[in-house]
Protein backbone atom coordinates (compact mmCIF):
# COMPACT_ATOMS: atom_id res chain seq x y z
CA MET A 1 26.23 10.68 -10.15
CA THR A 2 23.93 8.36 -11.96
CA ASP A 3 26.25 5.37 -10.85
CA GLY A 4 24.85 5.58 -7.25
CA THR A 5 27.39 7.64 -5.89
CA ASN A 6 27.97 11.16 -4.70
CA ASN A 7 30.56 13.65 -6.17
CA ASP A 8 33.00 12.56 -3.62
CA GLY A 9 32.61 8.79 -4.15
CA THR A 10 30.57 7.88 -1.25
CA PRO A 11 27.52 5.58 -1.94
CA ILE A 12 24.14 7.43 -2.31
CA HIS A 13 21.62 5.76 0.19
CA THR A 14 17.84 6.19 0.96
CA PRO A 15 16.48 6.78 4.32
CA MET A 16 15.34 3.14 4.23
CA LYS A 17 18.86 1.82 3.40
CA ALA A 18 20.49 4.30 5.88
CA MET A 19 18.39 2.79 8.42
CA ARG A 20 19.18 -0.86 7.80
CA ARG A 21 22.95 -0.29 7.36
CA LYS A 22 22.77 1.57 10.87
CA CYS A 23 20.83 -1.55 12.45
CA LEU A 24 23.68 -3.79 10.77
CA ASP A 25 26.20 -1.66 12.38
CA CYS A 26 24.67 -1.62 15.94
CA CYS A 27 24.65 -5.66 15.61
CA CYS A 28 28.01 -5.94 14.40
CA GLY A 29 26.99 -6.53 10.89
CA SER A 30 24.91 -9.59 11.74
CA PRO A 31 21.41 -9.79 9.99
CA LYS A 32 20.26 -12.40 12.53
CA GLU A 33 20.94 -10.04 15.31
CA VAL A 34 18.91 -7.42 13.55
CA GLU A 35 16.36 -9.61 13.25
CA LEU A 36 16.41 -10.94 16.90
CA CYS A 37 17.09 -6.99 18.14
CA PRO A 38 15.23 -6.75 21.71
CA VAL A 39 15.54 -2.75 21.75
CA THR A 40 12.05 -2.17 21.09
CA ALA A 41 12.13 1.50 22.15
CA CYS A 42 14.91 2.22 19.29
CA PRO A 43 13.38 4.75 16.83
CA LEU A 44 14.73 2.48 14.01
CA TYR A 45 13.08 -0.71 15.21
CA ALA A 46 10.23 -0.82 12.93
CA TYR A 47 12.54 -0.01 10.34
CA ARG A 48 15.21 -2.49 11.08
CA PHE A 49 14.89 -4.78 7.83
CA GLY A 50 14.88 -1.70 5.51
CA LYS A 51 11.27 -1.79 4.46
CA ARG A 52 8.33 0.56 5.85
CA PRO A 53 6.56 -0.96 8.92
CA GLY A 54 3.20 -3.22 7.84
CA GLY A 55 4.55 -3.39 4.19
CA VAL A 56 3.05 0.03 3.15
CA ASN A 57 3.87 0.43 -0.50
CA ARG A 58 4.19 3.89 -1.58
CA GLN A 59 3.77 3.05 -5.00
CA ALA A 60 0.32 4.05 -7.09
CA THR A 61 -1.46 1.27 -8.75
CA PRO A 62 -2.26 1.69 -12.41
CA ALA A 63 -6.04 2.36 -11.52
CA GLN A 64 -4.74 5.32 -9.16
CA ILE A 65 -2.45 6.66 -11.64
CA GLU A 66 -5.68 6.53 -14.11
CA ARG A 67 -7.98 8.18 -11.69
CA LEU A 68 -5.41 11.08 -11.08
CA LYS A 69 -4.74 11.71 -14.65
CA LYS A 70 -8.72 11.97 -15.46
CA ALA A 71 -8.73 14.36 -12.14
CA ARG A 72 -5.88 16.84 -13.53
CA GLU A 73 -7.39 16.66 -17.13
CA ALA A 74 -10.95 17.54 -15.33
CA ARG A 75 -9.29 20.33 -13.50
CA LEU A 76 -7.34 21.73 -16.50
CA ASN A 77 -10.63 21.70 -18.57
CA GLY A 78 -12.25 23.74 -15.99
CA LEU A 79 -15.11 21.02 -15.15
CA ILE A 80 -13.73 21.00 -11.29
CA SER A 81 -12.58 24.03 -9.38
CA ASP A 82 -10.35 23.92 -6.29
């Protein structure tokens, strides 16, 4: 499974990639048609480029990671209670 496929050999897709593939399928494989898609009522419309709408990035910044580490350490040391 480490090669990007399931046990049956089918490719593993993230939800974003699966939505992009569905949009391409709907537009007969044409990326330009996906870009020009007029069906704004489609639930996948905002995801048609295979990315989160608005450029939302779910990855934590180094500063956020450091803050989380400090908070975790403080909780473990009993300085912060739940």
